[in-house]
Each structure stands twice: as structure tokens, then as C-alpha cells.
């Protein structure tokens, strides 16, 4: 098997202030990774405002006319890079840096950053959100959002960010990749509704999901399908199912997940003991805990809940990016 050389941390992606402080350095120690199939495409890294991603596809969620800063890090091309929206090339503010202004109209827009020789490419799926001010009576059009806590209720709760807008999900864009292995539709609130539907999603959650998935692969647990059993929940739906008012799912940075390679919508036998028990969820939880010890993961610290199987579902884990550790176990 060929050895694959990458710069330290490049394949894992950095987070910058508000998530993790990271500085681009001139010298990086080379590391050897044997299991190259477990790595996402990371020919270069891209700083998007205050996060850095190494993936061949990622997403940004912005308001109409909002500015987004892009910067190529760890450049692998001596000829530099260009940023395009459709066939239009955007003018760089400096070498490998751009400021993109989102369109005024909410919707899905495709951006591409590629090397001038065309050998390296990264796709950015930009979703311009419908501003939250358009929610009337707890609804966006005919979709029930419900009501978020007011400022008094959130006083002292710095880790709760009320949505400033919502991604409009249509039949046309629901299958768009928001990261290498996850699609927009996987995070929609489970309530019954026709299209369009609306979702609130934070980029940090996508980074955490991709890191967990990759680490499972590197630790010898192949993942062809990681199920997001529950992603975003509107306050309306969260209340309807009797969940706690301040559930992280309501704030767009939480997911209940499990590995389901055989497609039966149940957690697989990850510990290979021939049984389907909470011990399989423990395998995923141990991966998350090991990631928590790394500096590159600090900005993704959050809740970790372990749930055992029930008659109507299998085992799973809950993860979020609330900014501090929270642990619980429900056998």
C-alpha cells in the first residue's frame, strides 16, 4: 500500500478563533498515513471567515448581501487559485484571497475555487438564508417554525445562538452535499410538511461529523453510511415531541447519529461481539472522547450522549458543539 504524505493536521482541517486558534506555519512535519481511503480530499485547505476546511466540498450559510471571506491555505499550486460563481471569475483582494458578497435573493448558489492549472478544485455550496424577520406567527410561509426563547430567557446562556435566518429546502436542492458525506435533507426537522421546508444549520456541526466519521475509519471501523437520525428541530417540533426547551437540536448544532452500513436503520455491531447493544454506541463515544483530547478539536467541544437500543430504534449517540463538555448516558 502506498504511503501518503501530508502536512501535519492538513488532512484534519483547522478551526480558527471562535472555534480553535490556528496559525499557518511555514514548516510542517510530514506524517505517514497508510489508510489513505479514510482521508477526504484535502489538496489544499480553505479558510472561510473563521473556520478552515480541508474538504473538496463544503457549505456556507449566510444572509442576503452578507460578505464572506475566502483564503486558500497550504497552497499546493505555484500558479495560484481562482474563485468562480458559475462562469464569472471573482476579483481577488490579494493572492488567493477573496471577499464574496452573497446575492440579495435567498437560495442555493454554487462557488468553485480551483488552481489555475485546473488540477485542484474545491466546491463551496452557498445557501443564502431567508432572514428570521420573515417568520410571522411562528411560520415561514406554511412551514411551522415555532417560537425561540426571548432575550430574558437566554440571559447568561452565551452558547445559545438564535437563528438569524433559515435555509430554504426545496425538492431541487435537498440532495445538495453540505459536506463530503452529508446532504442538506438529512438535517431537516422531522415534522410533516410540504416543500419548501426550512432548516438552521451550523458549519461547526458538519466539521465535527466529518471528523468523527474519518476517525472511525482510521480506527478500523469502515463507514459507508452514517445516519443522521435527528438533526435540526424547530421549536414547534421540539415542543410537540416533549423534548427539553433548550435542546441543542433547536440551535442547529446537534445531531443524533449511528453507523448503518447494512441499511437496516439500526446501529451496526461496531464492537463485533455479535450483539446489538449500547456497547456499540460506546465505540462511537470513545472515538469522540479521543478526538476531544486533540488541540485541533477544541473548537468542536460539546455534548455527548450515549443511548441504548429500544424496541423502535437502535443505539445511537448525540453530539453537539455547544462549546463546553456535557455527558450523559441513557441505557
C-alpha atoms as a PDB file:
ATOM      1  CA  UNK A   1       0.000   0.000   0.000  1.00  0.00           C
ATOM      2  CA  UNK A   2       1.342   3.377  -0.888  1.00  0.00           C
ATOM      3  CA  UNK A   3       2.263   5.798   1.827  1.00  0.00           C
ATOM      4  CA  UNK A   4       0.554   9.119   1.624  1.00  0.00           C
ATOM      5  CA  UNK A   5       2.403  12.180   2.895  1.00  0.00           C
ATOM      6  CA  UNK A   6       0.541  15.162   4.151  1.00  0.00           C
ATOM      7  CA  UNK A   7       1.449  18.113   6.292  1.00  0.00           C
ATOM      8  CA  UNK A   8       0.641  17.784   9.943  1.00  0.00           C
ATOM      9  CA  UNK A   9      -3.040  18.467  10.584  1.00  0.00           C
ATOM     10  CA  UNK A  10      -3.716  19.388   6.948  1.00  0.00           C
ATOM     11  CA  UNK A  11      -5.972  16.421   6.403  1.00  0.00           C
ATOM     12  CA  UNK A  12      -7.846  17.159   9.583  1.00  0.00           C
ATOM     13  CA  UNK A  13      -8.566  20.828   8.974  1.00  0.00           C
ATOM     14  CA  UNK A  14      -8.088  23.639  11.451  1.00  0.00           C
ATOM     15  CA  UNK A  15     -10.585  25.853  13.180  1.00  0.00           C
ATOM     16  CA  UNK A  16      -9.713  29.471  13.828  1.00  0.00           C
ATOM     17  CA  UNK A  17     -10.875  31.932  16.540  1.00  0.00           C
ATOM     18  CA  UNK A  18     -14.372  31.260  17.903  1.00  0.00           C
ATOM     19  CA  UNK A  19     -13.634  27.603  17.262  1.00  0.00           C
ATOM     20  CA  UNK A  20      -9.876  26.991  17.600  1.00  0.00           C
ATOM     21  CA  UNK A  21      -6.927  29.322  17.257  1.00  0.00           C
ATOM     22  CA  UNK A  22      -4.795  28.183  14.340  1.00  0.00           C
ATOM     23  CA  UNK A  23      -1.846  29.843  12.691  1.00  0.00           C
ATOM     24  CA  UNK A  24      -0.459  28.994   9.266  1.00  0.00           C
ATOM     25  CA  UNK A  25       3.180  27.976   9.703  1.00  0.00           C
ATOM     26  CA  UNK A  26       5.939  27.870   7.151  1.00  0.00           C
ATOM     27  CA  UNK A  27       7.279  24.457   8.206  1.00  0.00           C
ATOM     28  CA  UNK A  28       5.197  21.344   8.850  1.00  0.00           C
ATOM     29  CA  UNK A  29       6.372  17.938   9.946  1.00  0.00           C
ATOM     30  CA  UNK A  30       5.476  15.262   7.399  1.00  0.00           C
ATOM     31  CA  UNK A  31       3.463  12.303   8.677  1.00  0.00           C
ATOM     32  CA  UNK A  32       2.815   8.918   7.108  1.00  0.00           C
ATOM     33  CA  UNK A  33      -0.757   7.677   6.776  1.00  0.00           C
ATOM     34  CA  UNK A  34      -1.243   4.140   5.471  1.00  0.00           C
ATOM     35  CA  UNK A  35      -5.039   4.045   5.271  1.00  0.00           C
ATOM     36  CA  UNK A  36      -5.445   6.627   2.518  1.00  0.00           C
ATOM     37  CA  UNK A  37      -9.016   5.533   1.734  1.00  0.00           C
ATOM     38  CA  UNK A  38     -10.087   7.045   5.056  1.00  0.00           C
ATOM     39  CA  UNK A  39      -8.965  10.535   4.106  1.00  0.00           C
ATOM     40  CA  UNK A  40     -11.195  13.140   2.499  1.00  0.00           C
ATOM     41  CA  UNK A  41      -9.895  15.030  -0.484  1.00  0.00           C
ATOM     42  CA  UNK A  42      -7.599  17.668   1.017  1.00  0.00           C
ATOM     43  CA  UNK A  43      -5.292  19.001  -1.692  1.00  0.00           C
ATOM     44  CA  UNK A  44      -5.460  22.419  -0.019  1.00  0.00           C
ATOM     45  CA  UNK A  45      -7.303  23.990   2.873  1.00  0.00           C
ATOM     46  CA  UNK A  46      -9.686  26.915   2.658  1.00  0.00           C
ATOM     47  CA  UNK A  47     -10.335  29.479   5.334  1.00  0.00           C
ATOM     48  CA  UNK A  48     -13.986  30.559   5.268  1.00  0.00           C
ATOM     49  CA  UNK A  49     -14.404  33.537   7.611  1.00  0.00           C
ATOM     50  CA  UNK A  50     -13.337  31.977  10.930  1.00  0.00           C
ATOM     51  CA  UNK A  51     -13.197  28.264  10.089  1.00  0.00           C
ATOM     52  CA  UNK A  52     -10.822  26.259   7.931  1.00  0.00           C
ATOM     53  CA  UNK A  53     -11.876  23.220   5.945  1.00  0.00           C
ATOM     54  CA  UNK A  54      -9.757  20.714   4.010  1.00  0.00           C
ATOM     55  CA  UNK A  55     -12.574  19.075   2.068  1.00  0.00           C
ATOM     56  CA  UNK A  56     -13.347  19.005  -1.632  1.00  0.00           C
ATOM     57  CA  UNK A  57     -16.891  20.172  -0.872  1.00  0.00           C
ATOM     58  CA  UNK A  58     -18.284  22.238   1.975  1.00  0.00           C
ATOM     59  CA  UNK A  59     -21.025  24.798   2.626  1.00  0.00           C
ATOM     60  CA  UNK A  60     -21.595  28.300   3.899  1.00  0.00           C
ATOM     61  CA  UNK A  61     -24.865  29.620   5.295  1.00  0.00           C
ATOM     62  CA  UNK A  62     -25.238  33.377   5.014  1.00  0.00           C
ATOM     63  CA  UNK A  63     -27.777  36.176   4.963  1.00  0.00           C
ATOM     64  CA  UNK A  64     -28.619  38.161   1.812  1.00  0.00           C
ATOM     65  CA  UNK A  65     -25.789  40.572   0.818  1.00  0.00           C
ATOM     66  CA  UNK A  66     -23.537  39.235   3.593  1.00  0.00           C
ATOM     67  CA  UNK A  67     -19.801  39.223   2.873  1.00  0.00           C
ATOM     68  CA  UNK A  68     -17.808  36.016   3.113  1.00  0.00           C
ATOM     69  CA  UNK A  69     -14.014  35.944   3.180  1.00  0.00           C
ATOM     70  CA  UNK A  70     -12.188  33.076   1.467  1.00  0.00           C
ATOM     71  CA  UNK A  71      -8.461  32.359   1.667  1.00  0.00           C
ATOM     72  CA  UNK A  72      -6.519  29.374   0.363  1.00  0.00           C
ATOM     73  CA  UNK A  73      -4.147  27.974   2.972  1.00  0.00           C
ATOM     74  CA  UNK A  74      -1.341  25.449   2.408  1.00  0.00           C
ATOM     75  CA  UNK A  75      -1.324  26.216  -1.293  1.00  0.00           C
ATOM     76  CA  UNK A  76      -0.290  23.262  -3.430  1.00  0.00           C
ATOM     77  CA  UNK A  77      -0.198  25.229  -6.691  1.00  0.00           C
ATOM     78  CA  UNK A  78       2.541  27.660  -7.655  1.00  0.00           C
ATOM     79  CA  UNK A  79       0.220  29.274 -10.200  1.00  0.00           C
ATOM     80  CA  UNK A  80      -2.347  30.265  -7.584  1.00  0.00           C
ATOM     81  CA  UNK A  81      -6.121  29.871  -7.454  1.00  0.00           C
ATOM     82  CA  UNK A  82      -9.295  31.475  -8.795  1.00  0.00           C
ATOM     83  CA  UNK A  83     -12.800  31.774  -7.325  1.00  0.00           C
ATOM     84  CA  UNK A  84     -15.768  31.405  -9.659  1.00  0.00           C
ATOM     85  CA  UNK A  85     -19.521  31.704  -9.316  1.00  0.00           C
ATOM     86  CA  UNK A  86     -20.993  29.895 -12.318  1.00  0.00           C
ATOM     87  CA  UNK A  87     -18.861  31.244 -15.215  1.00  0.00           C
ATOM     88  CA  UNK A  88     -17.943  34.509 -13.524  1.00  0.00           C
ATOM     89  CA  UNK A  89     -14.477  34.839 -12.016  1.00  0.00           C
ATOM     90  CA  UNK A  90     -14.326  36.993  -8.888  1.00  0.00           C
ATOM     91  CA  UNK A  91     -11.563  39.510  -8.399  1.00  0.00           C
ATOM     92  CA  UNK A  92      -9.106  38.611  -5.646  1.00  0.00           C
ATOM     93  CA  UNK A  93      -8.399  41.094  -2.849  1.00  0.00           C
ATOM     94  CA  UNK A  94      -4.856  39.688  -2.666  1.00  0.00           C
ATOM     95  CA  UNK A  95      -3.110  36.476  -3.638  1.00  0.00           C
ATOM     96  CA  UNK A  96      -5.501  33.553  -3.087  1.00  0.00           C
ATOM     97  CA  UNK A  97      -7.918  35.739  -1.096  1.00  0.00           C
ATOM     98  CA  UNK A  98     -11.424  36.901  -1.997  1.00  0.00           C
ATOM     99  CA  UNK A  99     -14.448  38.585  -0.492  1.00  0.00           C
ATOM    100  CA  UNK A 100     -17.690  37.227  -1.908  1.00  0.00           C
ATOM    101  CA  UNK A 101     -20.913  39.128  -1.381  1.00  0.00           C
ATOM    102  CA  UNK A 102     -23.954  36.905  -1.184  1.00  0.00           C
ATOM    103  CA  UNK A 103     -26.819  37.664  -3.568  1.00  0.00           C
ATOM    104  CA  UNK A 104     -29.838  39.519  -2.254  1.00  0.00           C
ATOM    105  CA  UNK A 105     -32.147  36.667  -3.174  1.00  0.00           C
ATOM    106  CA  UNK A 106     -32.257  33.646  -0.813  1.00  0.00           C
ATOM    107  CA  UNK A 107     -31.407  30.350  -2.425  1.00  0.00           C
ATOM    108  CA  UNK A 108     -28.625  27.954  -3.364  1.00  0.00           C
ATOM    109  CA  UNK A 109     -25.504  29.193  -5.185  1.00  0.00           C
ATOM    110  CA  UNK A 110     -22.505  27.179  -6.310  1.00  0.00           C
ATOM    111  CA  UNK A 111     -18.964  28.533  -5.929  1.00  0.00           C
ATOM    112  CA  UNK A 112     -15.786  26.844  -7.135  1.00  0.00           C
ATOM    113  CA  UNK A 113     -12.223  27.526  -6.055  1.00  0.00           C
ATOM    114  CA  UNK A 114      -9.642  25.895  -8.283  1.00  0.00           C
ATOM    115  CA  UNK A 115      -5.988  26.086  -9.171  1.00  0.00           C
ATOM    116  CA  UNK A 116      -5.197  27.979 -12.361  1.00  0.00           C
ATOM    117  CA  UNK A 117      -3.926  24.774 -13.959  1.00  0.00           C
ATOM    118  CA  UNK A 118      -7.283  23.113 -13.215  1.00  0.00           C
ATOM    119  CA  UNK A 119      -5.695  20.259 -11.274  1.00  0.00           C
ATOM    120  CA  UNK A 120      -7.173  21.101  -7.848  1.00  0.00           C
ATOM    121  CA  UNK A 121     -10.718  22.096  -7.060  1.00  0.00           C
ATOM    122  CA  UNK A 122     -12.990  22.738  -4.096  1.00  0.00           C
ATOM    123  CA  UNK A 123     -16.743  23.315  -4.360  1.00  0.00           C
ATOM    124  CA  UNK A 124     -18.470  25.658  -1.924  1.00  0.00           C
ATOM    125  CA  UNK A 125     -22.236  25.301  -1.756  1.00  0.00           C
ATOM    126  CA  UNK A 126     -23.543  28.650  -0.577  1.00  0.00           C
ATOM    127  CA  UNK A 127     -27.011  28.860   0.913  1.00  0.00           C
ATOM    128  CA  UNK A 128     -28.410  32.362   1.263  1.00  0.00           C
ATOM    129  CA  UNK A 129     -30.875  32.193   4.132  1.00  0.00           C
ATOM    130  CA  UNK A 130     -34.328  33.649   4.482  1.00  0.00           C
ATOM    131  CA  UNK A 131     -33.957  36.255   7.287  1.00  0.00           C
ATOM    132  CA  UNK A 132     -35.653  35.303  10.552  1.00  0.00           C
ATOM    133  CA  UNK A 133     -37.588  38.594  10.438  1.00  0.00           C
ATOM    134  CA  UNK A 134     -39.800  36.960   7.832  1.00  0.00           C
ATOM    135  CA  UNK A 135     -41.158  34.472  10.360  1.00  0.00           C
ATOM    136  CA  UNK A 136     -44.726  35.536  11.122  1.00  0.00           C
ATOM    137  CA  UNK A 137     -46.887  33.895  13.741  1.00  0.00           C
ATOM    138  CA  UNK A 138     -44.276  31.176  14.192  1.00  0.00           C
ATOM    139  CA  UNK A 139     -44.373  30.261  10.488  1.00  0.00           C
ATOM    140  CA  UNK A 140     -42.296  30.739   7.350  1.00  0.00           C
ATOM    141  CA  UNK A 141     -44.816  30.541   4.537  1.00  0.00           C
ATOM    142  CA  UNK A 142     -46.706  27.390   5.587  1.00  0.00           C
ATOM    143  CA  UNK A 143     -43.817  25.790   7.498  1.00  0.00           C
ATOM    144  CA  UNK A 144     -44.094  25.748  11.294  1.00  0.00           C
ATOM    145  CA  UNK A 145     -41.009  27.180  12.986  1.00  0.00           C
ATOM    146  CA  UNK A 146     -42.483  27.949  16.386  1.00  0.00           C
ATOM    147  CA  UNK A 147     -41.037  30.461  18.826  1.00  0.00           C
ATOM    148  CA  UNK A 148     -37.498  30.784  20.106  1.00  0.00           C
ATOM    149  CA  UNK A 149     -36.740  31.896  23.693  1.00  0.00           C
ATOM    150  CA  UNK A 150     -36.595  35.650  24.195  1.00  0.00           C
ATOM    151  CA  UNK A 151     -33.519  37.547  25.426  1.00  0.00           C
ATOM    152  CA  UNK A 152     -34.646  37.309  29.057  1.00  0.00           C
ATOM    153  CA  UNK A 153     -34.823  33.526  28.910  1.00  0.00           C
ATOM    154  CA  UNK A 154     -31.438  33.335  27.213  1.00  0.00           C
ATOM    155  CA  UNK A 155     -29.710  35.719  29.640  1.00  0.00           C
ATOM    156  CA  UNK A 156     -26.416  34.198  30.674  1.00  0.00           C
ATOM    157  CA  UNK A 157     -26.700  31.482  28.056  1.00  0.00           C
ATOM    158  CA  UNK A 158     -23.886  32.643  25.765  1.00  0.00           C
ATOM    159  CA  UNK A 159     -23.739  29.308  23.978  1.00  0.00           C
ATOM    160  CA  UNK A 160     -27.246  29.578  22.542  1.00  0.00           C
ATOM    161  CA  UNK A 161     -27.439  31.358  19.195  1.00  0.00           C
ATOM    162  CA  UNK A 162     -30.954  32.098  17.990  1.00  0.00           C
ATOM    163  CA  UNK A 163     -31.168  31.730  14.182  1.00  0.00           C
ATOM    164  CA  UNK A 164     -30.721  34.887  12.127  1.00  0.00           C
ATOM    165  CA  UNK A 165     -32.165  33.102   9.125  1.00  0.00           C
ATOM    166  CA  UNK A 166     -33.207  29.761   7.682  1.00  0.00           C
ATOM    167  CA  UNK A 167     -32.082  27.710   4.692  1.00  0.00           C
ATOM    168  CA  UNK A 168     -34.964  27.107   2.315  1.00  0.00           C
ATOM    169  CA  UNK A 169     -35.010  23.419   1.364  1.00  0.00           C
ATOM    170  CA  UNK A 170     -36.698  22.568  -1.916  1.00  0.00           C
ATOM    171  CA  UNK A 171     -37.154  19.393  -3.932  1.00  0.00           C
ATOM    172  CA  UNK A 172     -34.403  20.728  -6.199  1.00  0.00           C
ATOM    173  CA  UNK A 173     -31.722  21.442  -3.556  1.00  0.00           C
ATOM    174  CA  UNK A 174     -32.470  18.852  -0.865  1.00  0.00           C
ATOM    175  CA  UNK A 175     -29.808  16.442  -2.174  1.00  0.00           C
ATOM    176  CA  UNK A 176     -27.021  19.024  -2.330  1.00  0.00           C
ATOM    177  CA  UNK A 177     -23.937  17.964  -0.372  1.00  0.00           C
ATOM    178  CA  UNK A 178     -23.252  20.227   2.594  1.00  0.00           C
ATOM    179  CA  UNK A 179     -20.006  18.347   3.305  1.00  0.00           C
ATOM    180  CA  UNK A 180     -18.308  15.340   1.676  1.00  0.00           C
ATOM    181  CA  UNK A 181     -20.635  12.737   3.218  1.00  0.00           C
ATOM    182  CA  UNK A 182     -23.817  14.559   4.262  1.00  0.00           C
ATOM    183  CA  UNK A 183     -26.696  16.099   2.326  1.00  0.00           C
ATOM    184  CA  UNK A 184     -28.926  19.018   3.209  1.00  0.00           C
ATOM    185  CA  UNK A 185     -32.047  16.882   3.544  1.00  0.00           C
ATOM    186  CA  UNK A 186     -30.517  14.836   6.363  1.00  0.00           C
ATOM    187  CA  UNK A 187     -30.796  17.780   8.772  1.00  0.00           C
ATOM    188  CA  UNK A 188     -34.426  18.791   8.158  1.00  0.00           C
ATOM    189  CA  UNK A 189     -36.766  18.791  11.154  1.00  0.00           C
ATOM    190  CA  UNK A 190     -38.810  15.572  11.106  1.00  0.00           C
ATOM    191  CA  UNK A 191     -42.170  17.316  11.211  1.00  0.00           C
ATOM    192  CA  UNK A 192     -44.600  16.662   8.373  1.00  0.00           C
ATOM    193  CA  UNK A 193     -44.635  19.417   5.801  1.00  0.00           C
ATOM    194  CA  UNK A 194     -44.642  20.043   2.082  1.00  0.00           C
ATOM    195  CA  UNK A 195     -41.813  21.860   0.345  1.00  0.00           C
ATOM    196  CA  UNK A 196     -40.362  24.354   0.874  1.00  0.00           C
ATOM    197  CA  UNK A 197     -39.052  23.349   4.278  1.00  0.00           C
ATOM    198  CA  UNK A 198     -36.635  25.361   6.397  1.00  0.00           C
ATOM    199  CA  UNK A 199     -33.583  24.377   8.386  1.00  0.00           C
ATOM    200  CA  UNK A 200     -30.994  26.069  10.579  1.00  0.00           C
ATOM    201  CA  UNK A 201     -27.530  24.519  10.389  1.00  0.00           C
ATOM    202  CA  UNK A 202     -24.092  25.473  11.685  1.00  0.00           C
ATOM    203  CA  UNK A 203     -20.869  24.684   9.854  1.00  0.00           C
ATOM    204  CA  UNK A 204     -19.125  23.525  13.039  1.00  0.00           C
ATOM    205  CA  UNK A 205     -21.516  20.571  13.278  1.00  0.00           C
ATOM    206  CA  UNK A 206     -20.575  19.460   9.776  1.00  0.00           C
ATOM    207  CA  UNK A 207     -16.881  19.615  10.637  1.00  0.00           C
ATOM    208  CA  UNK A 208     -17.474  17.518  13.756  1.00  0.00           C
ATOM    209  CA  UNK A 209     -19.476  14.901  11.885  1.00  0.00           C
ATOM    210  CA  UNK A 210     -16.803  14.560   9.204  1.00  0.00           C
ATOM    211  CA  UNK A 211     -14.041  14.263  11.793  1.00  0.00           C
ATOM    212  CA  UNK A 212     -15.921  11.549  13.710  1.00  0.00           C
ATOM    213  CA  UNK A 213     -16.612   9.635  10.523  1.00  0.00           C
ATOM    214  CA  UNK A 214     -12.992   9.793   9.436  1.00  0.00           C
ATOM    215  CA  UNK A 215     -11.669   8.778  12.855  1.00  0.00           C
ATOM    216  CA  UNK A 216     -13.935   5.725  12.863  1.00  0.00           C
ATOM    217  CA  UNK A 217     -12.366   4.715   9.545  1.00  0.00           C
ATOM    218  CA  UNK A 218      -8.836   5.277  10.832  1.00  0.00           C
ATOM    219  CA  UNK A 219      -9.615   3.182  13.917  1.00  0.00           C
ATOM    220  CA  UNK A 220     -10.710   0.232  11.808  1.00  0.00           C
ATOM    221  CA  UNK A 221     -14.468   0.780  11.656  1.00  0.00           C
ATOM    222  CA  UNK A 222     -15.424   1.188   7.971  1.00  0.00           C
ATOM    223  CA  UNK A 223     -18.267   3.665   7.441  1.00  0.00           C
ATOM    224  CA  UNK A 224     -20.230   3.530   4.201  1.00  0.00           C
ATOM    225  CA  UNK A 225     -23.308   5.072   5.814  1.00  0.00           C
ATOM    226  CA  UNK A 226     -23.562   7.254   8.896  1.00  0.00           C
ATOM    227  CA  UNK A 227     -27.201   8.075   9.619  1.00  0.00           C
ATOM    228  CA  UNK A 228     -28.314  11.440  10.977  1.00  0.00           C
ATOM    229  CA  UNK A 229     -31.347  10.186  12.874  1.00  0.00           C
ATOM    230  CA  UNK A 230     -32.174  13.682  14.078  1.00  0.00           C
ATOM    231  CA  UNK A 231     -30.564  16.973  13.071  1.00  0.00           C
ATOM    232  CA  UNK A 232     -32.282  20.336  13.293  1.00  0.00           C
ATOM    233  CA  UNK A 233     -35.562  20.557  15.181  1.00  0.00           C
ATOM    234  CA  UNK A 234     -37.815  23.564  15.009  1.00  0.00           C
ATOM    235  CA  UNK A 235     -39.072  24.828  18.385  1.00  0.00           C
ATOM    236  CA  UNK A 236     -42.526  23.799  17.121  1.00  0.00           C
ATOM    237  CA  UNK A 237     -41.478  20.160  16.569  1.00  0.00           C
ATOM    238  CA  UNK A 238     -39.236  20.047  19.631  1.00  0.00           C
ATOM    239  CA  UNK A 239     -42.190  21.052  21.809  1.00  0.00           C
ATOM    240  CA  UNK A 240     -44.508  18.588  20.061  1.00  0.00           C
ATOM    241  CA  UNK A 241     -42.266  15.634  20.957  1.00  0.00           C
ATOM    242  CA  UNK A 242     -41.893  16.833  24.549  1.00  0.00           C
ATOM    243  CA  UNK A 243     -38.169  17.478  24.427  1.00  0.00           C
ATOM    244  CA  UNK A 244     -36.391  19.962  26.696  1.00  0.00           C
ATOM    245  CA  UNK A 245     -36.871  23.599  25.690  1.00  0.00           C
ATOM    246  CA  UNK A 246     -33.191  24.373  25.242  1.00  0.00           C
ATOM    247  CA  UNK A 247     -32.315  21.273  23.234  1.00  0.00           C
ATOM    248  CA  UNK A 248     -29.208  21.831  21.124  1.00  0.00           C
ATOM    249  CA  UNK A 249     -31.109  20.465  18.141  1.00  0.00           C
ATOM    250  CA  UNK A 250     -33.175  23.667  18.152  1.00  0.00           C
ATOM    251  CA  UNK A 251     -29.984  25.719  17.739  1.00  0.00           C
ATOM    252  CA  UNK A 252     -28.679  23.914  14.685  1.00  0.00           C
ATOM    253  CA  UNK A 253     -25.506  22.382  16.114  1.00  0.00           C
ATOM    254  CA  UNK A 254     -26.640  18.913  17.216  1.00  0.00           C
ATOM    255  CA  UNK A 255     -27.159  15.517  15.614  1.00  0.00           C
ATOM    256  CA  UNK A 256     -28.148  12.033  16.761  1.00  0.00           C
ATOM    257  CA  UNK A 257     -26.091   9.593  14.721  1.00  0.00           C
ATOM    258  CA  UNK A 258     -25.222   5.942  14.219  1.00  0.00           C
ATOM    259  CA  UNK A 259     -23.336   3.761  11.755  1.00  0.00           C
ATOM    260  CA  UNK A 260     -25.603   1.714   9.495  1.00  0.00           C
ATOM    261  CA  UNK A 261     -23.595   0.027   6.755  1.00  0.00           C
ATOM    262  CA  UNK A 262     -26.122  -2.780   6.209  1.00  0.00           C
ATOM    263  CA  UNK A 263     -29.014  -0.381   5.667  1.00  0.00           C
ATOM    264  CA  UNK A 264     -31.443  -1.687   8.308  1.00  0.00           C
ATOM    265  CA  UNK A 265     -31.674   1.693  10.089  1.00  0.00           C
ATOM    266  CA  UNK A 266     -30.084   0.286  13.237  1.00  0.00           C
ATOM    267  CA  UNK A 267     -26.631   0.784  14.748  1.00  0.00           C
ATOM    268  CA  UNK A 268     -24.195  -1.811  13.417  1.00  0.00           C
ATOM    269  CA  UNK A 269     -22.266  -4.242  15.602  1.00  0.00           C
ATOM    270  CA  UNK A 270     -19.255  -1.955  15.973  1.00  0.00           C
ATOM    271  CA  UNK A 271     -17.620  -3.859  18.825  1.00  0.00           C
ATOM    272  CA  UNK A 272     -18.042  -7.135  16.899  1.00  0.00           C
ATOM    273  CA  UNK A 273     -19.470  -9.135  19.800  1.00  0.00           C
ATOM    274  CA  UNK A 274     -22.374 -10.492  17.764  1.00  0.00           C
ATOM    275  CA  UNK A 275     -24.905  -8.375  19.673  1.00  0.00           C
ATOM    276  CA  UNK A 276     -26.596  -5.019  19.096  1.00  0.00           C
ATOM    277  CA  UNK A 277     -26.307  -3.200  22.403  1.00  0.00           C
ATOM    278  CA  UNK A 278     -25.331   0.128  23.919  1.00  0.00           C
ATOM    279  CA  UNK A 279     -21.743  -1.128  23.725  1.00  0.00           C
ATOM    280  CA  UNK A 280     -21.811  -0.330  20.004  1.00  0.00           C
ATOM    281  CA  UNK A 281     -22.712   3.282  20.781  1.00  0.00           C
ATOM    282  CA  UNK A 282     -19.863   3.261  23.287  1.00  0.00           C
ATOM    283  CA  UNK A 283     -17.452   2.594  20.416  1.00  0.00           C
ATOM    284  CA  UNK A 284     -18.571   5.805  18.702  1.00  0.00           C
ATOM    285  CA  UNK A 285     -18.481   7.705  22.005  1.00  0.00           C
ATOM    286  CA  UNK A 286     -14.905   6.586  22.663  1.00  0.00           C
ATOM    287  CA  UNK A 287     -13.917   7.968  19.250  1.00  0.00           C
ATOM    288  CA  UNK A 288     -15.430  11.337  20.165  1.00  0.00           C
ATOM    289  CA  UNK A 289     -13.631  11.343  23.522  1.00  0.00           C
ATOM    290  CA  UNK A 290     -10.298  10.599  21.856  1.00  0.00           C
ATOM    291  CA  UNK A 291     -10.841  13.498  19.446  1.00  0.00           C
ATOM    292  CA  UNK A 292     -11.630  15.779  22.373  1.00  0.00           C
ATOM    293  CA  UNK A 293      -8.025  15.424  23.546  1.00  0.00           C
ATOM    294  CA  UNK A 294      -6.616  16.992  20.385  1.00  0.00           C
ATOM    295  CA  UNK A 295      -5.925  20.695  20.060  1.00  0.00           C
ATOM    296  CA  UNK A 296      -7.442  20.753  16.573  1.00  0.00           C
ATOM    297  CA  UNK A 297     -10.781  19.630  18.033  1.00  0.00           C
ATOM    298  CA  UNK A 298     -11.130  22.140  20.849  1.00  0.00           C
ATOM    299  CA  UNK A 299     -13.479  24.400  18.954  1.00  0.00           C
ATOM    300  CA  UNK A 300     -15.856  21.481  18.451  1.00  0.00           C
ATOM    301  CA  UNK A 301     -16.207  20.505  22.095  1.00  0.00           C
ATOM    302  CA  UNK A 302     -19.777  19.897  23.176  1.00  0.00           C
ATOM    303  CA  UNK A 303     -22.340  17.431  24.366  1.00  0.00           C
ATOM    304  CA  UNK A 304     -22.003  13.657  24.082  1.00  0.00           C
ATOM    305  CA  UNK A 305     -24.934  11.434  24.939  1.00  0.00           C
ATOM    306  CA  UNK A 306     -24.956   7.639  24.660  1.00  0.00           C
ATOM    307  CA  UNK A 307     -28.271   5.865  24.103  1.00  0.00           C
ATOM    308  CA  UNK A 308     -29.022   2.164  24.194  1.00  0.00           C
ATOM    309  CA  UNK A 309     -31.405   0.403  21.791  1.00  0.00           C
ATOM    310  CA  UNK A 310     -35.179   0.366  22.225  1.00  0.00           C
ATOM    311  CA  UNK A 311     -37.900  -1.654  20.522  1.00  0.00           C
ATOM    312  CA  UNK A 312     -38.488   1.051  17.911  1.00  0.00           C
ATOM    313  CA  UNK A 313     -34.831   2.043  17.244  1.00  0.00           C
ATOM    314  CA  UNK A 314     -31.251   1.014  17.695  1.00  0.00           C
ATOM    315  CA  UNK A 315     -28.456   2.510  19.782  1.00  0.00           C
ATOM    316  CA  UNK A 316     -27.061   5.931  18.854  1.00  0.00           C
ATOM    317  CA  UNK A 317     -25.032   8.838  20.158  1.00  0.00           C
ATOM    318  CA  UNK A 318     -25.876  12.530  20.407  1.00  0.00           C
ATOM    319  CA  UNK A 319     -23.197  15.091  19.578  1.00  0.00           C
ATOM    320  CA  UNK A 320     -23.220  18.891  19.517  1.00  0.00           C
ATOM    321  CA  UNK A 321     -20.821  21.852  19.518  1.00  0.00           C
ATOM    322  CA  UNK A 322     -22.135  23.852  22.488  1.00  0.00           C
ATOM    323  CA  UNK A 323     -18.631  24.952  23.496  1.00  0.00           C
ATOM    324  CA  UNK A 324     -18.275  23.017  26.738  1.00  0.00           C
ATOM    325  CA  UNK A 325     -18.407  19.363  27.770  1.00  0.00           C
ATOM    326  CA  UNK A 326     -21.694  17.759  28.736  1.00  0.00           C
ATOM    327  CA  UNK A 327     -22.036  13.994  29.201  1.00  0.00           C
ATOM    328  CA  UNK A 328     -24.967  11.671  29.786  1.00  0.00           C
ATOM    329  CA  UNK A 329     -25.927   8.044  29.278  1.00  0.00           C
ATOM    330  CA  UNK A 330     -29.365   6.561  28.728  1.00  0.00           C
ATOM    331  CA  UNK A 331     -29.302   2.752  28.595  1.00  0.00           C
END
